[in-house]
């Protein structure tokens, strides 16, 4: 037995198995497109976070080298 899901045209819930099915292929395509877009955004955010972490590490190394250079010039 399938029950229509309110506020979501073309989507049905199988009352026996509990699965949610899409009866409209264009609606399913739209859904999958949004899932892929969300995954792309997540991957881009992860890449940006990795870039920022790398830049922080490099800035720390530059700071350390500059402090060493200043100390060598004083001494």
PDB file of N, CA and C in Angstrom:
ATOM      1  N   UNK A   1       0.840  -1.184   0.000  1.00  0.00           N
ATOM      2  CA  UNK A   1       0.000   0.000   0.000  1.00  0.00           C
ATOM      3  C   UNK A   1       0.883   1.244   0.000  1.00  0.00           C
ATOM      4  N   UNK A   2       0.598   2.167  -0.896  1.00  0.00           N
ATOM      5  CA  UNK A   2       1.363   3.410  -0.993  1.00  0.00           C
ATOM      6  C   UNK A   2       0.503   4.578  -0.553  1.00  0.00           C
ATOM      7  N   UNK A   3       1.143   5.496   0.161  1.00  0.00           N
ATOM      8  CA  UNK A   3       0.439   6.687   0.626  1.00  0.00           C
ATOM      9  C   UNK A   3       1.165   7.911   0.075  1.00  0.00           C
ATOM     10  N   UNK A   4       0.401   8.832  -0.494  1.00  0.00           N
ATOM     11  CA  UNK A   4       0.975  10.050  -1.054  1.00  0.00           C
ATOM     12  C   UNK A   4       1.537  10.923   0.072  1.00  0.00           C
ATOM     13  N   UNK A   5       2.702  11.499  -0.163  1.00  0.00           N
ATOM     14  CA  UNK A   5       3.330  12.367   0.832  1.00  0.00           C
ATOM     15  C   UNK A   5       2.822  13.787   0.618  1.00  0.00           C
ATOM     16  N   UNK A   6       2.288  14.377   1.698  1.00  0.00           N
ATOM     17  CA  UNK A   6       1.768  15.740   1.605  1.00  0.00           C
ATOM     18  C   UNK A   6       2.885  16.716   1.261  1.00  0.00           C
ATOM     19  N   UNK A   7       2.546  17.727   0.504  1.00  0.00           N
ATOM     20  CA  UNK A   7       3.437  18.826   0.130  1.00  0.00           C
ATOM     21  C   UNK A   7       4.599  18.397  -0.766  1.00  0.00           C
ATOM     22  N   UNK A   8       4.591  17.149  -1.242  1.00  0.00           N
ATOM     23  CA  UNK A   8       5.637  16.678  -2.147  1.00  0.00           C
ATOM     24  C   UNK A   8       4.978  15.893  -3.275  1.00  0.00           C
ATOM     25  N   UNK A   9       4.662  16.594  -4.358  1.00  0.00           N
ATOM     26  CA  UNK A   9       3.993  15.949  -5.481  1.00  0.00           C
ATOM     27  C   UNK A   9       4.864  14.848  -6.068  1.00  0.00           C
ATOM     28  N   UNK A  10       4.251  13.729  -6.358  1.00  0.00           N
ATOM     29  CA  UNK A  10       4.949  12.632  -7.014  1.00  0.00           C
ATOM     30  C   UNK A  10       5.703  11.713  -6.069  1.00  0.00           C
ATOM     31  N   UNK A  11       5.706  11.992  -4.783  1.00  0.00           N
ATOM     32  CA  UNK A  11       6.421  11.157  -3.813  1.00  0.00           C
ATOM     33  C   UNK A  11       5.418  10.340  -3.011  1.00  0.00           C
ATOM     34  N   UNK A  12       5.772   9.066  -2.789  1.00  0.00           N
ATOM     35  CA  UNK A  12       4.893   8.146  -2.084  1.00  0.00           C
ATOM     36  C   UNK A  12       5.674   7.375  -1.030  1.00  0.00           C
ATOM     37  N   UNK A  13       4.978   7.005   0.035  1.00  0.00           N
ATOM     38  CA  UNK A  13       5.586   6.175   1.071  1.00  0.00           C
ATOM     39  C   UNK A  13       4.948   4.797   1.021  1.00  0.00           C
ATOM     40  N   UNK A  14       5.793   3.778   0.936  1.00  0.00           N
ATOM     41  CA  UNK A  14       5.320   2.398   0.993  1.00  0.00           C
ATOM     42  C   UNK A  14       5.076   2.076   2.457  1.00  0.00           C
ATOM     43  N   UNK A  15       3.832   1.848   2.820  1.00  0.00           N
ATOM     44  CA  UNK A  15       3.465   1.662   4.221  1.00  0.00           C
ATOM     45  C   UNK A  15       3.967   0.335   4.784  1.00  0.00           C
ATOM     46  N   UNK A  16       4.283  -0.624   3.928  1.00  0.00           N
ATOM     47  CA  UNK A  16       4.774  -1.922   4.394  1.00  0.00           C
ATOM     48  C   UNK A  16       6.270  -1.854   4.687  1.00  0.00           C
ATOM     49  N   UNK A  17       7.046  -1.383   3.713  1.00  0.00           N
ATOM     50  CA  UNK A  17       8.506  -1.368   3.880  1.00  0.00           C
ATOM     51  C   UNK A  17       9.019  -0.071   4.494  1.00  0.00           C
ATOM     52  N   UNK A  18       8.235   0.993   4.401  1.00  0.00           N
ATOM     53  CA  UNK A  18       8.656   2.284   4.942  1.00  0.00           C
ATOM     54  C   UNK A  18       9.510   3.097   3.982  1.00  0.00           C
ATOM     55  N   UNK A  19       9.733   2.578   2.785  1.00  0.00           N
ATOM     56  CA  UNK A  19      10.554   3.307   1.819  1.00  0.00           C
ATOM     57  C   UNK A  19       9.767   4.448   1.201  1.00  0.00           C
ATOM     58  N   UNK A  20      10.517   5.416   0.697  1.00  0.00           N
ATOM     59  CA  UNK A  20       9.910   6.551   0.010  1.00  0.00           C
ATOM     60  C   UNK A  20      10.289   6.440  -1.456  1.00  0.00           C
ATOM     61  N   UNK A  21       9.285   6.490  -2.311  1.00  0.00           N
ATOM     62  CA  UNK A  21       9.484   6.331  -3.747  1.00  0.00           C
ATOM     63  C   UNK A  21       9.008   7.572  -4.481  1.00  0.00           C
ATOM     64  N   UNK A  22       9.643   7.807  -5.609  1.00  0.00           N
ATOM     65  CA  UNK A  22       9.228   8.917  -6.458  1.00  0.00           C
ATOM     66  C   UNK A  22       8.569   8.347  -7.702  1.00  0.00           C
ATOM     67  N   UNK A  23       7.350   8.757  -7.945  1.00  0.00           N
ATOM     68  CA  UNK A  23       6.623   8.287  -9.108  1.00  0.00           C
ATOM     69  C   UNK A  23       6.815   9.177 -10.321  1.00  0.00           C
ATOM     70  N   UNK A  24       7.463  10.310 -10.143  1.00  0.00           N
ATOM     71  CA  UNK A  24       7.656  11.288 -11.213  1.00  0.00           C
ATOM     72  C   UNK A  24       9.149  11.397 -11.513  1.00  0.00           C
ATOM     73  N   UNK A  25       9.558  10.968 -12.711  1.00  0.00           N
ATOM     74  CA  UNK A  25      10.989  10.952 -13.035  1.00  0.00           C
ATOM     75  C   UNK A  25      11.591  12.352 -13.089  1.00  0.00           C
ATOM     76  N   UNK A  26      10.826  13.340 -13.520  1.00  0.00           N
ATOM     77  CA  UNK A  26      11.379  14.699 -13.569  1.00  0.00           C
ATOM     78  C   UNK A  26      11.590  15.229 -12.153  1.00  0.00           C
ATOM     79  N   UNK A  27      10.694  14.885 -11.247  1.00  0.00           N
ATOM     80  CA  UNK A  27      10.835  15.285  -9.840  1.00  0.00           C
ATOM     81  C   UNK A  27      12.061  14.605  -9.232  1.00  0.00           C
ATOM     82  N   UNK A  28      12.248  13.335  -9.567  1.00  0.00           N
ATOM     83  CA  UNK A  28      13.415  12.594  -9.070  1.00  0.00           C
ATOM     84  C   UNK A  28      14.704  13.199  -9.627  1.00  0.00           C
ATOM     85  N   UNK A  29      14.695  13.568 -10.892  1.00  0.00           N
ATOM     86  CA  UNK A  29      15.874  14.193 -11.503  1.00  0.00           C
ATOM     87  C   UNK A  29      16.208  15.505 -10.810  1.00  0.00           C
ATOM     88  N   UNK A  30      15.173  16.281 -10.506  1.00  0.00           N
ATOM     89  CA  UNK A  30      15.375  17.537  -9.775  1.00  0.00           C
ATOM     90  C   UNK A  30      15.993  17.269  -8.406  1.00  0.00           C
ATOM     91  N   UNK A  31      15.475  16.262  -7.729  1.00  0.00           N
ATOM     92  CA  UNK A  31      15.978  15.894  -6.400  1.00  0.00           C
ATOM     93  C   UNK A  31      17.447  15.476  -6.482  1.00  0.00           C
ATOM     94  N   UNK A  32      17.777  14.623  -7.449  1.00  0.00           N
ATOM     95  CA  UNK A  32      19.161  14.151  -7.581  1.00  0.00           C
ATOM     96  C   UNK A  32      20.099  15.301  -7.951  1.00  0.00           C
ATOM     97  N   UNK A  33      19.618  16.239  -8.751  1.00  0.00           N
ATOM     98  CA  UNK A  33      20.420  17.403  -9.108  1.00  0.00           C
ATOM     99  C   UNK A  33      20.744  18.219  -7.860  1.00  0.00           C
ATOM    100  N   UNK A  34      19.765  18.384  -6.976  1.00  0.00           N
ATOM    101  CA  UNK A  34      20.012  19.142  -5.745  1.00  0.00           C
ATOM    102  C   UNK A  34      20.953  18.378  -4.813  1.00  0.00           C
ATOM    103  N   UNK A  35      20.846  17.052  -4.787  1.00  0.00           N
ATOM    104  CA  UNK A  35      21.757  16.242  -3.966  1.00  0.00           C
ATOM    105  C   UNK A  35      23.190  16.405  -4.467  1.00  0.00           C
ATOM    106  N   UNK A  36      23.371  16.351  -5.775  1.00  0.00           N
ATOM    107  CA  UNK A  36      24.711  16.509  -6.356  1.00  0.00           C
ATOM    108  C   UNK A  36      25.254  17.912  -6.109  1.00  0.00           C
ATOM    109  N   UNK A  37      24.395  18.919  -6.188  1.00  0.00           N
ATOM    110  CA  UNK A  37      24.827  20.297  -5.927  1.00  0.00           C
ATOM    111  C   UNK A  37      25.258  20.454  -4.473  1.00  0.00           C
ATOM    112  N   UNK A  38      24.513  19.843  -3.557  1.00  0.00           N
ATOM    113  CA  UNK A  38      24.883  19.897  -2.138  1.00  0.00           C
ATOM    114  C   UNK A  38      26.223  19.214  -1.898  1.00  0.00           C
ATOM    115  N   UNK A  39      26.441  18.084  -2.548  1.00  0.00           N
ATOM    116  CA  UNK A  39      27.708  17.359  -2.399  1.00  0.00           C
ATOM    117  C   UNK A  39      28.868  18.187  -2.961  1.00  0.00           C
ATOM    118  N   UNK A  40      28.620  18.847  -4.095  1.00  0.00           N
ATOM    119  CA  UNK A  40      29.654  19.694  -4.691  1.00  0.00           C
ATOM    120  C   UNK A  40      30.011  20.837  -3.747  1.00  0.00           C
ATOM    121  N   UNK A  41      28.998  21.462  -3.139  1.00  0.00           N
ATOM    122  CA  UNK A  41      29.248  22.549  -2.180  1.00  0.00           C
ATOM    123  C   UNK A  41      30.042  22.044  -0.982  1.00  0.00           C
ATOM    124  N   UNK A  42      29.691  20.848  -0.505  1.00  0.00           N
ATOM    125  CA  UNK A  42      30.389  20.272   0.647  1.00  0.00           C
ATOM    126  C   UNK A  42      31.858  20.023   0.315  1.00  0.00           C
ATOM    127  N   UNK A  43      32.114  19.480  -0.869  1.00  0.00           N
ATOM    128  CA  UNK A  43      33.490  19.216  -1.285  1.00  0.00           C
ATOM    129  C   UNK A  43      34.275  20.510  -1.468  1.00  0.00           C
ATOM    130  N   UNK A  44      33.629  21.535  -2.028  1.00  0.00           N
ATOM    131  CA  UNK A  44      34.293  22.828  -2.188  1.00  0.00           C
ATOM    132  C   UNK A  44      34.635  23.434  -0.834  1.00  0.00           C
ATOM    133  N   UNK A  45      33.721  23.329   0.119  1.00  0.00           N
ATOM    134  CA  UNK A  45      33.960  23.855   1.462  1.00  0.00           C
ATOM    135  C   UNK A  45      35.111  23.112   2.127  1.00  0.00           C
ATOM    136  N   UNK A  46      35.134  21.805   1.951  1.00  0.00           N
ATOM    137  CA  UNK A  46      36.217  20.996   2.519  1.00  0.00           C
ATOM    138  C   UNK A  46      37.560  21.403   1.912  1.00  0.00           C
ATOM    139  N   UNK A  47      37.584  21.636   0.605  1.00  0.00           N
ATOM    140  CA  UNK A  47      38.816  22.054  -0.063  1.00  0.00           C
ATOM    141  C   UNK A  47      39.266  23.423   0.445  1.00  0.00           C
ATOM    142  N   UNK A  48      38.318  24.336   0.629  1.00  0.00           N
ATOM    143  CA  UNK A  48      38.658  25.659   1.155  1.00  0.00           C
ATOM    144  C   UNK A  48      39.208  25.571   2.574  1.00  0.00           C
ATOM    145  N   UNK A  49      38.614  24.709   3.387  1.00  0.00           N
ATOM    146  CA  UNK A  49      39.109  24.530   4.756  1.00  0.00           C
ATOM    147  C   UNK A  49      40.528  23.978   4.746  1.00  0.00           C
ATOM    148  N   UNK A  50      40.795  23.042   3.845  1.00  0.00           N
ATOM    149  CA  UNK A  50      42.152  22.500   3.729  1.00  0.00           C
ATOM    150  C   UNK A  50      43.132  23.575   3.273  1.00  0.00           C
ATOM    151  N   UNK A  51      42.712  24.414   2.332  1.00  0.00           N
ATOM    152  CA  UNK A  51      43.564  25.508   1.862  1.00  0.00           C
ATOM    153  C   UNK A  51      43.886  26.480   2.996  1.00  0.00           C
ATOM    154  N   UNK A  52      42.878  26.829   3.782  1.00  0.00           N
ATOM    155  CA  UNK A  52      43.081  27.753   4.900  1.00  0.00           C
ATOM    156  C   UNK A  52      44.037  27.140   5.923  1.00  0.00           C
ATOM    157  N   UNK A  53      43.871  25.864   6.208  1.00  0.00           N
ATOM    158  CA  UNK A  53      44.771  25.196   7.155  1.00  0.00           C
ATOM    159  C   UNK A  53      46.207  25.219   6.637  1.00  0.00           C
ATOM    160  N   UNK A  54      46.369  24.970   5.349  1.00  0.00           N
ATOM    161  CA  UNK A  54      47.704  25.013   4.746  1.00  0.00           C
ATOM    162  C   UNK A  54      48.307  26.404   4.816  1.00  0.00           C
ATOM    163  N   UNK A  55      47.497  27.423   4.536  1.00  0.00           N
ATOM    164  CA  UNK A  55      47.979  28.803   4.599  1.00  0.00           C
ATOM    165  C   UNK A  55      48.360  29.192   6.022  1.00  0.00           C
ATOM    166  N   UNK A  56      47.586  28.740   7.004  1.00  0.00           N
ATOM    167  CA  UNK A  56      47.920  29.016   8.402  1.00  0.00           C
ATOM    168  C   UNK A  56      49.276  28.414   8.753  1.00  0.00           C
ATOM    169  N   UNK A  57      49.481  27.206   8.315  1.00  0.00           N
ATOM    170  CA  UNK A  57      50.744  26.522   8.588  1.00  0.00           C
ATOM    171  C   UNK A  57      51.912  27.258   7.932  1.00  0.00           C
ATOM    172  N   UNK A  58      51.734  27.667   6.693  1.00  0.00           N
ATOM    173  CA  UNK A  58      52.787  28.393   5.981  1.00  0.00           C
ATOM    174  C   UNK A  58      53.059  29.747   6.632  1.00  0.00           C
ATOM    175  N   UNK A  59      52.008  30.445   7.061  1.00  0.00           N
ATOM    176  CA  UNK A  59      52.192  31.735   7.735  1.00  0.00           C
ATOM    177  C   UNK A  59      52.954  31.556   9.043  1.00  0.00           C
ATOM    178  N   UNK A  60      52.658  30.493   9.756  1.00  0.00           N
ATOM    179  CA  UNK A  60      53.364  30.206  11.001  1.00  0.00           C
ATOM    180  C   UNK A  60      54.843  29.961  10.725  1.00  0.00           C
ATOM    181  N   UNK A  61      55.128  29.238   9.664  1.00  0.00           N
ATOM    182  CA  UNK A  61      56.521  28.963   9.293  1.00  0.00           C
ATOM    183  C   UNK A  61      57.238  30.258   8.894  1.00  0.00           C
ATOM    184  N   UNK A  62      56.580  31.113   8.128  1.00  0.00           N
ATOM    185  CA  UNK A  62      57.168  32.398   7.729  1.00  0.00           C
ATOM    186  C   UNK A  62      57.438  33.257   8.959  1.00  0.00           C
ATOM    187  N   UNK A  63      56.497  33.287   9.884  1.00  0.00           N
ATOM    188  CA  UNK A  63      56.665  34.060  11.118  1.00  0.00           C
ATOM    189  C   UNK A  63      57.879  33.556  11.896  1.00  0.00           C
ATOM    190  N   UNK A  64      57.998  32.261  11.996  1.00  0.00           N
ATOM    191  CA  UNK A  64      59.132  31.665  12.706  1.00  0.00           C
ATOM    192  C   UNK A  64      60.452  32.029  12.025  1.00  0.00           C
ATOM    193  N   UNK A  65      60.482  31.969  10.710  1.00  0.00           N
ATOM    194  CA  UNK A  65      61.703  32.317   9.971  1.00  0.00           C
ATOM    195  C   UNK A  65      62.051  33.794  10.147  1.00  0.00           C
ATOM    196  N   UNK A  66      61.041  34.662  10.136  1.00  0.00           N
ATOM    197  CA  UNK A  66      61.284  36.092  10.332  1.00  0.00           C
ATOM    198  C   UNK A  66      61.815  36.372  11.735  1.00  0.00           C
ATOM    199  N   UNK A  67      61.259  35.716  12.739  1.00  0.00           N
ATOM    200  CA  UNK A  67      61.751  35.893  14.108  1.00  0.00           C
ATOM    201  C   UNK A  67      63.197  35.429  14.230  1.00  0.00           C
ATOM    202  N   UNK A  68      63.519  34.324  13.597  1.00  0.00           N
ATOM    203  CA  UNK A  68      64.903  33.830  13.606  1.00  0.00           C
ATOM    204  C   UNK A  68      65.825  34.826  12.917  1.00  0.00           C
ATOM    205  N   UNK A  69      65.402  35.382  11.803  1.00  0.00           N
ATOM    206  CA  UNK A  69      66.200  36.362  11.067  1.00  0.00           C
ATOM    207  C   UNK A  69      66.443  37.608  11.908  1.00  0.00           C
ATOM    208  N   UNK A  70      65.408  38.105  12.577  1.00  0.00           N
ATOM    209  CA  UNK A  70      65.535  39.293  13.429  1.00  0.00           C
ATOM    210  C   UNK A  70      66.476  39.007  14.595  1.00  0.00           C
ATOM    211  N   UNK A  71      66.350  37.852  15.204  1.00  0.00           N
ATOM    212  CA  UNK A  71      67.223  37.497  16.330  1.00  0.00           C
ATOM    213  C   UNK A  71      68.677  37.386  15.883  1.00  0.00           C
ATOM    214  N   UNK A  72      68.912  36.855  14.695  1.00  0.00           N
ATOM    215  CA  UNK A  72      70.281  36.731  14.177  1.00  0.00           C
ATOM    216  C   UNK A  72      70.887  38.103  13.885  1.00  0.00           C
ATOM    217  N   UNK A  73      70.066  39.056  13.442  1.00  0.00           N
ATOM    218  CA  UNK A  73      70.579  40.395  13.146  1.00  0.00           C
ATOM    219  C   UNK A  73      70.873  41.165  14.427  1.00  0.00           C
ATOM    220  N   UNK A  74      70.116  40.899  15.497  1.00  0.00           N
ATOM    221  CA  UNK A  74      70.351  41.563  16.781  1.00  0.00           C
ATOM    222  C   UNK A  74      71.608  41.016  17.439  1.00  0.00           C
ATOM    223  N   UNK A  75      71.841  39.745  17.305  1.00  0.00           N
ATOM    224  CA  UNK A  75      72.929  39.084  18.010  1.00  0.00           C
ATOM    225  C   UNK A  75      74.174  39.120  17.253  1.00  0.00           C
TER     226      UNK A  75
END
